[in-house]
C-alpha atoms as a PDB file:
ATOM      1  CA  MET A   1       5.157   4.393   9.787  1.00  0.00           C
ATOM      2  CA  ALA A   2       5.180   3.156   6.104  1.00  0.00           C
ATOM      3  CA  ARG A   3       7.492   0.225   7.202  1.00  0.00           C
ATOM      4  CA  LEU A   4       4.775  -0.615   9.599  1.00  0.00           C
ATOM      5  CA  ARG A   5       1.982  -0.081   7.034  1.00  0.00           C
ATOM      6  CA  TYR A   6       3.628  -2.451   4.922  1.00  0.00           C
ATOM      7  CA  ARG A   7       4.238  -4.811   7.870  1.00  0.00           C
ATOM      8  CA  LEU A   8       0.096  -5.073   8.552  1.00  0.00           C
ATOM      9  CA  LEU A   9      -0.194  -5.303   4.907  1.00  0.00           C
ATOM     10  CA  VAL A  10       2.137  -8.706   4.944  1.00  0.00           C
ATOM     11  CA  LEU A  11       0.295  -9.821   8.192  1.00  0.00           C
ATOM     12  CA  GLY A  12      -3.305  -8.793   6.576  1.00  0.00           C
ATOM     13  CA  LEU A  13      -1.507 -11.508   3.255  1.00  0.00           C
ATOM     14  CA  MET A  14      -0.444 -14.380   6.159  1.00  0.00           C
ATOM     15  CA  LEU A  15      -4.427 -14.146   7.716  1.00  0.00           C
ATOM     16  CA  GLY A  16      -6.063 -14.482   4.656  1.00  0.00           C
ATOM     17  CA  SER A  17      -7.793 -17.482   3.691  1.00  0.00           C
ATOM     18  CA  GLY A  18      -5.502 -19.510   5.402  1.00  0.00           C
ATOM     19  CA  ALA A  19      -2.673 -17.455   4.398  1.00  0.00           C
ATOM     20  CA  GLY A  20      -2.832 -14.127   2.596  1.00  0.00           C
ATOM     21  CA  ALA A  21      -4.332 -11.291   0.065  1.00  0.00           C
ATOM     22  CA  VAL A  22      -5.624 -10.845  -3.277  1.00  0.00           C
ATOM     23  CA  ALA A  23      -4.246 -10.171  -7.225  1.00  0.00           C
ATOM     24  CA  ALA A  24      -7.049  -7.828  -7.709  1.00  0.00           C
ATOM     25  CA  PRO A  25      -7.927  -5.720 -10.001  1.00  0.00           C
ATOM     26  CA  SER A  26      -6.184  -3.247  -8.015  1.00  0.00           C
ATOM     27  CA  LYS A  27      -2.965  -4.908  -5.789  1.00  0.00           C
ATOM     28  CA  VAL A  28      -2.377  -1.577  -4.517  1.00  0.00           C
ATOM     29  CA  ALA A  29      -3.208  -0.572  -1.265  1.00  0.00           C
ATOM     30  CA  ALA A  30      -5.713   2.867  -1.008  1.00  0.00           C
ATOM     31  CA  THR A  31      -6.533   4.467   2.180  1.00  0.00           C
ATOM     32  CA  VAL A  32     -10.422   5.280   2.806  1.00  0.00           C
ATOM     33  CA  ALA A  33     -11.851   7.429   5.962  1.00  0.00           C
ATOM     34  CA  GLY A  34      -8.255   6.178   7.675  1.00  0.00           C
ATOM     35  CA  TRP A  35      -8.720   2.786   7.115  1.00  0.00           C
ATOM     36  CA  THR A  36      -6.222   0.894   4.530  1.00  0.00           C
ATOM     37  CA  VAL A  37      -8.190  -0.824   2.497  1.00  0.00           C
ATOM     38  CA  ALA A  38      -5.715  -3.910   0.552  1.00  0.00           C
ATOM     39  CA  PRO A  39      -6.762  -6.741  -1.674  1.00  0.00           C
ATOM     40  CA  ALA A  40      -5.289 -10.657  -0.864  1.00  0.00           C
ATOM     41  CA  GLU A  41      -2.319 -12.072  -2.515  1.00  0.00           C
ATOM     42  CA  ASP A  42      -4.019 -15.321  -3.052  1.00  0.00           C
ATOM     43  CA  GLY A  43      -7.315 -14.222  -4.578  1.00  0.00           C
ATOM     44  CA  ALA A  44      -9.406 -14.944  -1.542  1.00  0.00           C
ATOM     45  CA  GLY A  45     -10.227 -11.535   0.039  1.00  0.00           C
ATOM     46  CA  CYS A  46      -9.699  -8.435   0.952  1.00  0.00           C
ATOM     47  CA  PHE A  47      -8.610  -6.377   4.490  1.00  0.00           C
ATOM     48  CA  VAL A  48      -9.017  -3.104   6.171  1.00  0.00           C
ATOM     49  CA  THR A  49      -6.390  -2.270   8.714  1.00  0.00           C
ATOM     50  CA  ARG A  50      -6.428   0.826  11.120  1.00  0.00           C
ATOM     51  CA  THR A  51      -3.175   1.606  13.649  1.00  0.00           C
ATOM     52  CA  PHE A  52      -4.940   3.805  16.666  1.00  0.00           C
ATOM     53  CA  ASP A  53      -2.354   5.912  18.098  1.00  0.00           C
ATOM     54  CA  ARG A  54      -2.325   5.017  21.747  1.00  0.00           C
ATOM     55  CA  SER A  55       0.036   3.008  23.916  1.00  0.00           C
ATOM     56  CA  GLY A  56       1.234  -0.007  22.188  1.00  0.00           C
ATOM     57  CA  ASP A  57      -0.013   1.410  18.397  1.00  0.00           C
ATOM     58  CA  THR A  58      -3.059  -0.948  18.752  1.00  0.00           C
ATOM     59  CA  THR A  59      -3.991  -2.352  15.091  1.00  0.00           C
ATOM     60  CA  VAL A  60      -6.642  -3.744  14.251  1.00  0.00           C
ATOM     61  CA  LEU A  61      -6.960  -6.033  11.000  1.00  0.00           C
ATOM     62  CA  LEU A  62     -10.730  -7.020   9.419  1.00  0.00           C
ATOM     63  CA  GLY A  63     -10.364  -9.546   6.713  1.00  0.00           C
ATOM     64  CA  LEU A  64     -12.953 -10.500   4.429  1.00  0.00           C
ATOM     65  CA  ASP A  65     -12.693 -13.451   1.737  1.00  0.00           C
ATOM     66  CA  ARG A  66     -15.253 -13.859  -1.178  1.00  0.00           C
ATOM     67  CA  ASP A  67     -16.901 -16.740   0.526  1.00  0.00           C
ATOM     68  CA  GLY A  68     -18.216 -13.979   3.206  1.00  0.00           C
ATOM     69  CA  THR A  69     -15.900 -15.617   5.407  1.00  0.00           C
ATOM     70  CA  ASN A  70     -13.943 -12.347   7.906  1.00  0.00           C
ATOM     71  CA  ARG A  71     -11.511 -12.823  10.187  1.00  0.00           C
ATOM     72  CA  LEU A  72     -10.997  -9.964  13.027  1.00  0.00           C
ATOM     73  CA  SER A  73      -7.091  -9.488  14.537  1.00  0.00           C
ATOM     74  CA  VAL A  74      -5.930  -7.083  17.231  1.00  0.00           C
ATOM     75  CA  LEU A  75      -2.343  -6.327  17.616  1.00  0.00           C
ATOM     76  CA  ASN A  76      -0.504  -4.189  20.355  1.00  0.00           C
ATOM     77  CA  GLY A  77       2.938  -3.935  21.345  1.00  0.00           C
ATOM     78  CA  ASN A  78       2.168  -4.151  24.830  1.00  0.00           C
ATOM     79  CA  TRP A  79       0.454  -7.302  25.176  1.00  0.00           C
ATOM     80  CA  SER A  80       2.116 -10.112  26.360  1.00  0.00           C
ATOM     81  CA  ILE A  81      -0.157 -13.162  24.549  1.00  0.00           C
ATOM     82  CA  ARG A  82       1.612 -16.101  23.097  1.00  0.00           C
ATOM     83  CA  ALA A  83       1.043 -17.034  19.343  1.00  0.00           C
ATOM     84  CA  ARG A  84      -1.257 -19.999  19.322  1.00  0.00           C
ATOM     85  CA  GLU A  85      -2.811 -19.274  22.867  1.00  0.00           C
ATOM     86  CA  ARG A  86      -6.388 -19.577  22.829  1.00  0.00           C
ATOM     87  CA  VAL A  87      -8.726 -17.121  25.001  1.00  0.00           C
ATOM     88  CA  LYS A  88     -12.195 -16.229  25.494  1.00  0.00           C
ATOM     89  CA  LEU A  89     -12.997 -12.404  24.695  1.00  0.00           C
ATOM     90  CA  THR A  90     -16.123 -10.572  25.050  1.00  0.00           C
ATOM     91  CA  PHE A  91     -16.584  -8.488  22.106  1.00  0.00           C
ATOM     92  CA  ARG A  92     -19.009  -5.615  22.291  1.00  0.00           C
ATOM     93  CA  LEU A  93     -20.186  -3.723  19.028  1.00  0.00           C
ATOM     94  CA  SER A  94     -22.979  -0.212  19.626  1.00  0.00           C
ATOM     95  CA  LYS A  95     -25.814  -3.198  18.636  1.00  0.00           C
ATOM     96  CA  ALA A  96     -24.111  -6.280  19.147  1.00  0.00           C
ATOM     97  CA  ALA A  97     -21.900  -8.396  21.841  1.00  0.00           C
ATOM     98  CA  TYR A  98     -19.975 -11.690  21.272  1.00  0.00           C
ATOM     99  CA  PRO A  99     -19.575 -12.927  25.171  1.00  0.00           C
ATOM    100  CA  ARG A 100     -16.243 -15.439  25.752  1.00  0.00           C
ATOM    101  CA  HIS A 101     -15.745 -15.731  21.978  1.00  0.00           C
ATOM    102  CA  ALA A 102     -12.707 -17.992  20.761  1.00  0.00           C
ATOM    103  CA  ALA A 103      -9.815 -16.016  19.960  1.00  0.00           C
ATOM    104  CA  ILE A 104      -6.175 -17.583  18.443  1.00  0.00           C
ATOM    105  CA  GLY A 105      -3.062 -15.447  19.857  1.00  0.00           C
ATOM    106  CA  ILE A 106      -0.554 -14.459  16.996  1.00  0.00           C
ATOM    107  CA  ALA A 107       2.986 -12.367  16.523  1.00  0.00           C
ATOM    108  CA  ALA A 108       3.590  -9.796  13.543  1.00  0.00           C
ATOM    109  CA  ASP A 109       6.114  -7.056  13.692  1.00  0.00           C
ATOM    110  CA  GLY A 110       7.015  -7.249  17.542  1.00  0.00           C
ATOM    111  CA  LYS A 111       3.742  -6.490  18.233  1.00  0.00           C
ATOM    112  CA  GLN A 112       1.294  -9.516  20.318  1.00  0.00           C
ATOM    113  CA  GLY A 113      -2.390  -9.896  19.632  1.00  0.00           C
ATOM    114  CA  PHE A 114      -5.334 -12.205  18.286  1.00  0.00           C
ATOM    115  CA  VAL A 115      -7.018 -13.294  15.300  1.00  0.00           C
ATOM    116  CA  THR A 116     -10.759 -14.826  15.245  1.00  0.00           C
ATOM    117  CA  THR A 117     -13.848 -15.740  12.773  1.00  0.00           C
ATOM    118  CA  PHE A 118     -17.234 -14.201  13.147  1.00  0.00           C
ATOM    119  CA  GLY A 119     -20.466 -15.109  11.332  1.00  0.00           C
ATOM    120  CA  LYS A 120     -21.116 -13.704   8.185  1.00  0.00           C
ATOM    121  CA  ASP A 121     -23.204 -10.478   9.159  1.00  0.00           C
ATOM    122  CA  PHE A 122     -20.416  -9.507  11.514  1.00  0.00           C
ATOM    123  CA  PRO A 123     -18.794  -7.230   8.563  1.00  0.00           C
ATOM    124  CA  ALA A 124     -22.045  -5.132   8.574  1.00  0.00           C
ATOM    125  CA  GLN A 125     -21.967  -5.101  12.422  1.00  0.00           C
ATOM    126  CA  PHE A 126     -18.290  -3.696  12.349  1.00  0.00           C
ATOM    127  CA  ALA A 127     -19.701  -1.322   9.740  1.00  0.00           C
ATOM    128  CA  ALA A 128     -22.572  -0.064  11.868  1.00  0.00           C
ATOM    129  CA  THR A 129     -20.565   0.384  15.103  1.00  0.00           C
ATOM    130  CA  ARG A 130     -18.762   3.520  16.521  1.00  0.00           C
ATOM    131  CA  THR A 131     -17.033   1.550  18.805  1.00  0.00           C
ATOM    132  CA  LEU A 132     -15.797  -1.940  19.755  1.00  0.00           C
ATOM    133  CA  ASP A 133     -14.809  -2.981  23.485  1.00  0.00           C
ATOM    134  CA  ILE A 134     -12.577  -6.204  24.073  1.00  0.00           C
ATOM    135  CA  ALA A 135     -12.588  -7.921  27.328  1.00  0.00           C
ATOM    136  CA  ARG A 136     -10.856 -10.914  28.786  1.00  0.00           C
ATOM    137  CA  GLY A 137     -13.678 -11.567  31.516  1.00  0.00           C
ATOM    138  CA  ASP A 138     -13.372  -8.461  33.721  1.00  0.00           C
ATOM    139  CA  VAL A 139     -10.024  -7.076  32.488  1.00  0.00           C
ATOM    140  CA  PRO A 140     -10.737  -4.493  29.739  1.00  0.00           C
ATOM    141  CA  VAL A 141      -8.537  -5.345  26.890  1.00  0.00           C
ATOM    142  CA  GLU A 142      -9.079  -2.241  23.996  1.00  0.00           C
ATOM    143  CA  ARG A 143     -12.083   0.074  23.817  1.00  0.00           C
ATOM    144  CA  LEU A 144     -11.429   1.866  19.940  1.00  0.00           C
ATOM    145  CA  ALA A 145     -13.473   4.202  18.211  1.00  0.00           C
ATOM    146  CA  LEU A 146     -14.561   2.856  15.029  1.00  0.00           C
ATOM    147  CA  ASP A 147     -14.709   5.698  13.215  1.00  0.00           C
ATOM    148  CA  GLY A 148     -14.858   5.715   9.762  1.00  0.00           C
ATOM    149  CA  SER A 149     -15.424   1.834   9.730  1.00  0.00           C
ATOM    150  CA  GLY A 150     -18.790   2.290   7.410  1.00  0.00           C
ATOM    151  CA  ALA A 151     -17.337   3.906   4.772  1.00  0.00           C
ATOM    152  CA  ALA A 152     -13.861   1.263   5.298  1.00  0.00           C
ATOM    153  CA  VAL A 153     -16.127  -2.167   4.700  1.00  0.00           C
ATOM    154  CA  ALA A 154     -18.105  -0.389   1.895  1.00  0.00           C
ATOM    155  CA  ALA A 155     -14.859  -0.314   0.344  1.00  0.00           C
ATOM    156  CA  LEU A 156     -13.547  -3.863   1.635  1.00  0.00           C
ATOM    157  CA  ARG A 157     -16.632  -5.274   0.067  1.00  0.00           C
ATOM    158  CA  ARG A 158     -15.959  -3.225  -3.258  1.00  0.00           C
ATOM    159  CA  CYS A 159     -12.857  -4.891  -3.551  1.00  0.00           C
ATOM    160  CA  VAL A 160     -14.015  -8.467  -2.947  1.00  0.00           C
ATOM    161  CA  ALA A 161     -16.717  -7.378  -5.236  1.00  0.00           C
ATOM    162  CA  ALA A 162     -14.002  -6.512  -7.660  1.00  0.00           C
ATOM    163  CA  LEU A 163     -12.358 -10.043  -7.148  1.00  0.00           C
ATOM    164  CA  GLY A 164     -15.317 -11.992  -8.263  1.00  0.00           C
ATOM    165  CA  SER A 165     -17.334 -15.090  -7.293  1.00  0.00           C
ATOM    166  CA  GLY A 166     -15.102 -17.843  -8.956  1.00  0.00           C
ATOM    167  CA  ARG A 167     -11.973 -18.853  -8.399  1.00  0.00           C
ATOM    168  CA  ALA A 168      -8.343 -16.773  -8.267  1.00  0.00           C
ATOM    169  CA  ALA A 169      -7.044 -17.007 -12.050  1.00  0.00           C
ATOM    170  CA  GLU A 170      -5.822 -20.464 -13.069  1.00  0.00           C
ATOM    171  CA  ARG A 171      -2.216 -20.551 -12.957  1.00  0.00           C
ATOM    172  CA  PRO A 172      -0.209 -22.801 -15.916  1.00  0.00           C
ATOM    173  CA  ARG A 173       0.005 -26.451 -15.535  1.00  0.00           C
ATOM    174  CA  ASP A 174       2.760 -28.805 -17.248  1.00  0.00           C
ATOM    175  CA  GLY A 175       0.380 -30.119 -20.268  1.00  0.00           C
ATOM    176  CA  ALA A 176       0.482 -33.523 -19.208  1.00  0.00           C
ATOM    177  CA  ILE A 177      -0.785 -32.904 -15.570  1.00  0.00           C
ATOM    178  CA  PRO A 178      -5.111 -32.873 -16.015  1.00  0.00           C
ATOM    179  CA  ARG A 179      -6.712 -30.500 -14.049  1.00  0.00           C
ATOM    180  CA  ASP A 180      -8.149 -32.745 -11.682  1.00  0.00           C
ATOM    181  CA  PRO A 181      -5.929 -35.890 -11.792  1.00  0.00           C
ATOM    182  CA  PHE A 182      -8.944 -37.834  -9.484  1.00  0.00           C
ATOM    183  CA  ALA A 183     -11.895 -37.046 -12.075  1.00  0.00           C
ATOM    184  CA  VAL A 184     -13.158 -39.967 -13.249  1.00  0.00           C
ATOM    185  CA  PRO A 185     -12.931 -39.136 -17.256  1.00  0.00           C
ATOM    186  CA  ALA A 186     -16.065 -40.195 -19.409  1.00  0.00           C
ATOM    187  CA  GLY A 187     -16.426 -44.007 -20.601  1.00  0.00           C
ATOM    188  CA  ARG A 188     -14.107 -45.171 -18.034  1.00  0.00           C
ATOM    189  CA  GLU A 189     -15.172 -47.008 -14.536  1.00  0.00           C
ATOM    190  CA  SER A 190     -11.980 -47.284 -11.339  1.00  0.00           C
ATOM    191  CA  ARG A 191     -11.045 -50.366 -11.029  1.00  0.00           C
ATOM    192  CA  ARG A 192     -11.226 -52.368  -7.327  1.00  0.00           C
END
């Protein structure tokens, strides 16, 4: 289980803002109401994840970046969706629905699944819902009880807030290379 949790954290890193997870005040994952909450290494945001004890061990991962963008990933060891396969899925929460919503296939640790993004209000809807039902047309994909999602999303938001609103910490640079080599220096105009 620890090995799977580690790999899910790595998956969260890969799915974060283009690629990853956070160097926040706390680099350690925490468990809140049955959900694992962790920062992304790239400093862009944090994520919550939970594996459900069912056939194929369905894993749900919700990532939230500092700019409010989010992504939802769902994986299962029994699914045959291929990486980069494009599908339309219907997502139903207690008080919201997203019919024929675009998702892209992914694979990680012997599981296949999909990743998708939603509007900035999605984490609040995810926190307030009791269930998440996903369907592919008339075929049910998954039905999950999201117990503890409210506490998990609150912890997710605290994790993101702890990162601050600025860019990730500036990495050391060679003193000869300016931070922005394309900026026009004061008093000099570019020649054409």
